[in-house]
Amino acid sequence: MSDAELMLADAFLTAAFITRQNEYFQYQQGILDSEVLHSAKHPIILLLSSPTARRWWNTEGKLMVADSFEEYVDDVLKENDQRSWWFKDD
């Protein structure tokens, strides 16, 4: 990816994960129900399906979110890794 493409990807992923984090905290505060939170798992999985996006999460994304949301995302990814179909390292 070019530098410009990397900057666009970073901006997109940042916006997407700030939105997911807001949903997570709204659920924690009782504003959203568990069905809405559960439906937000799929975008997290898709957004972090590629090796490039996963590197972004591990090096940049985790720095800009709350610890509890970081743990939630990591748990969602662990849950899904056994079913992952999008990208395979093999």
N, C-alpha and C. Protein backbone atom coordinates (compact mmCIF):
# COMPACT_ATOMS: atom_id res chain seq x y z
N MET A 1 0.84 -1.18 0.00
CA MET A 1 0.00 0.00 0.00
C MET A 1 0.88 1.25 0.00
N SER A 2 0.41 2.26 -0.67
CA SER A 2 1.13 3.53 -0.69
C SER A 2 0.90 4.25 0.65
N ASP A 3 1.69 5.28 0.90
CA ASP A 3 1.51 6.06 2.12
C ASP A 3 0.11 6.66 2.19
N ALA A 4 -0.38 7.16 1.06
CA ALA A 4 -1.73 7.75 1.03
C ALA A 4 -2.79 6.70 1.34
N GLU A 5 -2.63 5.51 0.80
CA GLU A 5 -3.59 4.44 1.07
C GLU A 5 -3.54 4.01 2.54
N LEU A 6 -2.35 3.97 3.10
CA LEU A 6 -2.22 3.63 4.52
C LEU A 6 -2.88 4.67 5.40
N MET A 7 -2.74 5.95 5.05
CA MET A 7 -3.38 7.02 5.82
C MET A 7 -4.90 6.91 5.74
N LEU A 8 -5.42 6.61 4.55
CA LEU A 8 -6.87 6.44 4.41
C LEU A 8 -7.37 5.24 5.21
N ALA A 9 -6.64 4.15 5.14
CA ALA A 9 -7.02 2.96 5.90
C ALA A 9 -7.01 3.25 7.40
N ASP A 10 -5.98 3.95 7.87
CA ASP A 10 -5.89 4.31 9.28
C ASP A 10 -7.07 5.17 9.69
N ALA A 11 -7.41 6.16 8.89
CA ALA A 11 -8.53 7.05 9.21
C ALA A 11 -9.85 6.26 9.24
N PHE A 12 -10.04 5.39 8.27
CA PHE A 12 -11.26 4.60 8.21
C PHE A 12 -11.37 3.68 9.43
N LEU A 13 -10.30 2.95 9.72
CA LEU A 13 -10.33 2.01 10.85
C LEU A 13 -10.50 2.75 12.18
N THR A 14 -9.85 3.89 12.31
CA THR A 14 -10.00 4.69 13.53
C THR A 14 -11.46 5.08 13.73
N ALA A 15 -12.08 5.63 12.68
CA ALA A 15 -13.49 6.04 12.78
C ALA A 15 -14.39 4.84 13.09
N ALA A 16 -14.13 3.73 12.43
CA ALA A 16 -14.96 2.54 12.64
C ALA A 16 -14.84 2.03 14.07
N PHE A 17 -13.64 2.04 14.63
CA PHE A 17 -13.47 1.50 15.98
C PHE A 17 -13.90 2.47 17.06
N ILE A 18 -13.84 3.75 16.81
CA ILE A 18 -14.41 4.70 17.77
C ILE A 18 -15.93 4.52 17.82
N THR A 19 -16.54 4.27 16.66
CA THR A 19 -17.97 4.00 16.62
C THR A 19 -18.31 2.72 17.37
N ARG A 20 -17.55 1.66 17.13
CA ARG A 20 -17.79 0.38 17.84
C ARG A 20 -17.60 0.57 19.34
N GLN A 21 -16.59 1.34 19.73
CA GLN A 21 -16.36 1.58 21.15
C GLN A 21 -17.55 2.33 21.76
N ASN A 22 -18.09 3.31 21.05
CA ASN A 22 -19.25 4.04 21.55
C ASN A 22 -20.43 3.09 21.76
N GLU A 23 -20.64 2.16 20.82
CA GLU A 23 -21.71 1.16 20.98
C GLU A 23 -21.45 0.30 22.22
N TYR A 24 -20.22 -0.10 22.40
CA TYR A 24 -19.86 -0.92 23.56
C TYR A 24 -20.18 -0.19 24.87
N PHE A 25 -19.80 1.08 24.96
CA PHE A 25 -20.06 1.83 26.19
C PHE A 25 -21.54 2.15 26.36
N GLN A 26 -22.26 2.34 25.26
CA GLN A 26 -23.71 2.54 25.38
C GLN A 26 -24.38 1.28 25.90
N TYR A 27 -23.89 0.12 25.50
CA TYR A 27 -24.40 -1.14 26.04
C TYR A 27 -24.08 -1.22 27.54
N GLN A 28 -22.85 -0.89 27.91
CA GLN A 28 -22.45 -0.93 29.32
C GLN A 28 -23.34 -0.03 30.19
N GLN A 29 -23.80 1.08 29.61
CA GLN A 29 -24.64 2.04 30.35
C GLN A 29 -26.13 1.70 30.27
N GLY A 30 -26.47 0.62 29.57
CA GLY A 30 -27.86 0.22 29.46
C GLY A 30 -28.65 0.93 28.37
N ILE A 31 -27.98 1.68 27.52
CA ILE A 31 -28.66 2.40 26.44
C ILE A 31 -28.99 1.46 25.28
N LEU A 32 -28.07 0.58 24.96
CA LEU A 32 -28.28 -0.42 23.90
C LEU A 32 -28.47 -1.78 24.54
N ASP A 33 -29.27 -2.63 23.88
CA ASP A 33 -29.45 -3.97 24.42
C ASP A 33 -28.42 -4.94 23.84
N SER A 34 -28.41 -6.15 24.37
CA SER A 34 -27.38 -7.12 23.98
C SER A 34 -27.48 -7.51 22.51
N GLU A 35 -28.67 -7.46 21.93
CA GLU A 35 -28.83 -7.78 20.51
C GLU A 35 -28.06 -6.80 19.62
N VAL A 36 -28.11 -5.54 19.97
CA VAL A 36 -27.37 -4.53 19.20
C VAL A 36 -25.87 -4.74 19.38
N LEU A 37 -25.44 -4.98 20.60
CA LEU A 37 -24.01 -5.22 20.82
C LEU A 37 -23.56 -6.45 20.05
N HIS A 38 -24.34 -7.50 20.08
CA HIS A 38 -23.99 -8.72 19.36
C HIS A 38 -23.88 -8.46 17.86
N SER A 39 -24.76 -7.64 17.30
CA SER A 39 -24.70 -7.34 15.87
C SER A 39 -23.47 -6.53 15.50
N ALA A 40 -22.86 -5.85 16.48
CA ALA A 40 -21.65 -5.06 16.23
C ALA A 40 -20.41 -5.94 16.16
N LYS A 41 -20.52 -7.21 16.56
CA LYS A 41 -19.37 -8.11 16.49
C LYS A 41 -18.95 -8.38 15.05
N HIS A 42 -19.92 -8.54 14.17
CA HIS A 42 -19.59 -8.88 12.79
C HIS A 42 -18.73 -7.80 12.12
N PRO A 43 -19.07 -6.52 12.24
CA PRO A 43 -18.18 -5.50 11.66
C PRO A 43 -16.76 -5.54 12.24
N ILE A 44 -16.64 -5.81 13.54
CA ILE A 44 -15.30 -5.91 14.14
C ILE A 44 -14.52 -7.04 13.46
N ILE A 45 -15.16 -8.18 13.31
CA ILE A 45 -14.52 -9.33 12.69
C ILE A 45 -14.12 -9.03 11.25
N LEU A 46 -15.03 -8.45 10.49
CA LEU A 46 -14.72 -8.13 9.09
C LEU A 46 -13.62 -7.08 8.97
N LEU A 47 -13.70 -6.05 9.81
CA LEU A 47 -12.70 -4.99 9.75
C LEU A 47 -11.30 -5.50 10.06
N LEU A 48 -11.20 -6.50 10.91
CA LEU A 48 -9.88 -7.00 11.32
C LEU A 48 -9.56 -8.35 10.71
N SER A 49 -10.18 -8.68 9.59
CA SER A 49 -9.96 -9.98 8.96
C SER A 49 -8.65 -10.06 8.19
N SER A 50 -8.19 -8.97 7.65
CA SER A 50 -6.96 -9.03 6.86
C SER A 50 -5.74 -8.92 7.77
N PRO A 51 -4.63 -9.52 7.37
CA PRO A 51 -3.39 -9.39 8.17
C PRO A 51 -2.98 -7.93 8.38
N THR A 52 -3.17 -7.09 7.37
CA THR A 52 -2.80 -5.67 7.49
C THR A 52 -3.65 -4.98 8.56
N ALA A 53 -4.95 -5.22 8.54
CA ALA A 53 -5.83 -4.60 9.52
C ALA A 53 -5.54 -5.13 10.92
N ARG A 54 -5.23 -6.41 11.03
CA ARG A 54 -4.91 -6.98 12.34
C ARG A 54 -3.63 -6.36 12.89
N ARG A 55 -2.65 -6.11 12.02
CA ARG A 55 -1.42 -5.42 12.46
C ARG A 55 -1.76 -4.02 12.95
N TRP A 56 -2.66 -3.34 12.21
CA TRP A 56 -3.07 -2.00 12.62
C TRP A 56 -3.68 -2.06 14.03
N TRP A 57 -4.55 -3.02 14.28
CA TRP A 57 -5.18 -3.15 15.59
C TRP A 57 -4.13 -3.34 16.68
N ASN A 58 -3.18 -4.22 16.41
CA ASN A 58 -2.19 -4.56 17.43
C ASN A 58 -1.17 -3.45 17.67
N THR A 59 -0.93 -2.59 16.69
CA THR A 59 0.08 -1.55 16.84
C THR A 59 -0.48 -0.14 17.03
N GLU A 60 -1.64 0.14 16.44
CA GLU A 60 -2.21 1.49 16.51
C GLU A 60 -3.58 1.52 17.19
N GLY A 61 -4.45 0.62 16.77
CA GLY A 61 -5.83 0.65 17.23
C GLY A 61 -5.97 0.55 18.74
N LYS A 62 -5.21 -0.35 19.33
CA LYS A 62 -5.31 -0.55 20.78
C LYS A 62 -4.87 0.67 21.57
N LEU A 63 -4.08 1.53 20.95
CA LEU A 63 -3.59 2.73 21.66
C LEU A 63 -4.67 3.80 21.81
N MET A 64 -5.74 3.71 21.01
CA MET A 64 -6.72 4.80 21.01
C MET A 64 -8.06 4.42 21.63
N VAL A 65 -8.14 3.24 22.21
CA VAL A 65 -9.40 2.83 22.82
C VAL A 65 -9.19 2.51 24.29
N ALA A 66 -10.27 2.46 25.01
CA ALA A 66 -10.22 2.12 26.43
C ALA A 66 -9.81 0.65 26.61
N ASP A 67 -9.17 0.38 27.72
CA ASP A 67 -8.69 -0.97 28.00
C ASP A 67 -9.81 -2.01 27.95
N SER A 68 -10.97 -1.67 28.50
CA SER A 68 -12.07 -2.64 28.52
C SER A 68 -12.57 -2.93 27.11
N PHE A 69 -12.58 -1.94 26.22
CA PHE A 69 -13.00 -2.18 24.84
C PHE A 69 -11.93 -2.98 24.10
N GLU A 70 -10.68 -2.71 24.35
CA GLU A 70 -9.59 -3.50 23.76
C GLU A 70 -9.76 -4.97 24.12
N GLU A 71 -10.04 -5.24 25.38
CA GLU A 71 -10.24 -6.62 25.84
C GLU A 71 -11.45 -7.24 25.16
N TYR A 72 -12.52 -6.47 25.03
CA TYR A 72 -13.73 -6.96 24.35
C TYR A 72 -13.42 -7.34 22.90
N VAL A 73 -12.73 -6.47 22.17
CA VAL A 73 -12.38 -6.76 20.77
C VAL A 73 -11.50 -7.99 20.69
N ASP A 74 -10.50 -8.07 21.53
CA ASP A 74 -9.63 -9.25 21.52
C ASP A 74 -10.41 -10.53 21.80
N ASP A 75 -11.38 -10.46 22.70
CA ASP A 75 -12.22 -11.63 22.97
C ASP A 75 -13.07 -11.99 21.76
N VAL A 76 -13.63 -10.99 21.08
CA VAL A 76 -14.41 -11.24 19.86
C VAL A 76 -13.53 -11.91 18.81
N LEU A 77 -12.30 -11.43 18.66
CA LEU A 77 -11.39 -12.01 17.67
C LEU A 77 -11.02 -13.44 18.02
N LYS A 78 -10.76 -13.70 19.30
CA LYS A 78 -10.43 -15.07 19.73
C LYS A 78 -11.59 -16.00 19.46
N GLU A 79 -12.79 -15.54 19.77
CA GLU A 79 -14.02 -16.31 19.54
C GLU A 79 -14.14 -16.69 18.06
N ASN A 80 -13.79 -15.75 17.21
CA ASN A 80 -13.99 -15.94 15.78
C ASN A 80 -12.83 -16.64 15.08
N ASP A 81 -11.63 -16.58 15.62
CA ASP A 81 -10.47 -17.12 14.92
C ASP A 81 -10.65 -18.56 14.48
N GLN A 82 -11.36 -19.33 15.24
CA GLN A 82 -11.57 -20.72 14.87
C GLN A 82 -12.51 -20.87 13.69
N ARG A 83 -13.33 -19.85 13.45
CA ARG A 83 -14.27 -19.90 12.33
C ARG A 83 -13.84 -19.02 11.16
N SER A 84 -12.69 -18.36 11.27
CA SER A 84 -12.25 -17.39 10.27
C SER A 84 -12.17 -17.99 8.88
N TRP A 85 -12.76 -17.31 7.93
CA TRP A 85 -12.77 -17.77 6.56
C TRP A 85 -12.23 -16.74 5.59
N TRP A 86 -12.12 -15.51 6.03
CA TRP A 86 -11.80 -14.41 5.12
C TRP A 86 -10.37 -14.47 4.60
N PHE A 87 -9.41 -14.51 5.48
CA PHE A 87 -8.01 -14.59 5.12
C PHE A 87 -7.38 -15.73 5.91
N LYS A 88 -6.57 -16.47 5.26
CA LYS A 88 -5.84 -17.55 5.93
C LYS A 88 -4.34 -17.31 5.71
N ASP A 89 -3.55 -17.56 6.72
CA ASP A 89 -2.11 -17.38 6.61
C ASP A 89 -1.43 -18.56 5.90
N ASP A 90 -2.15 -19.67 5.74
CA ASP A 90 -1.52 -20.86 5.15
C ASP A 90 -1.50 -20.84 3.64
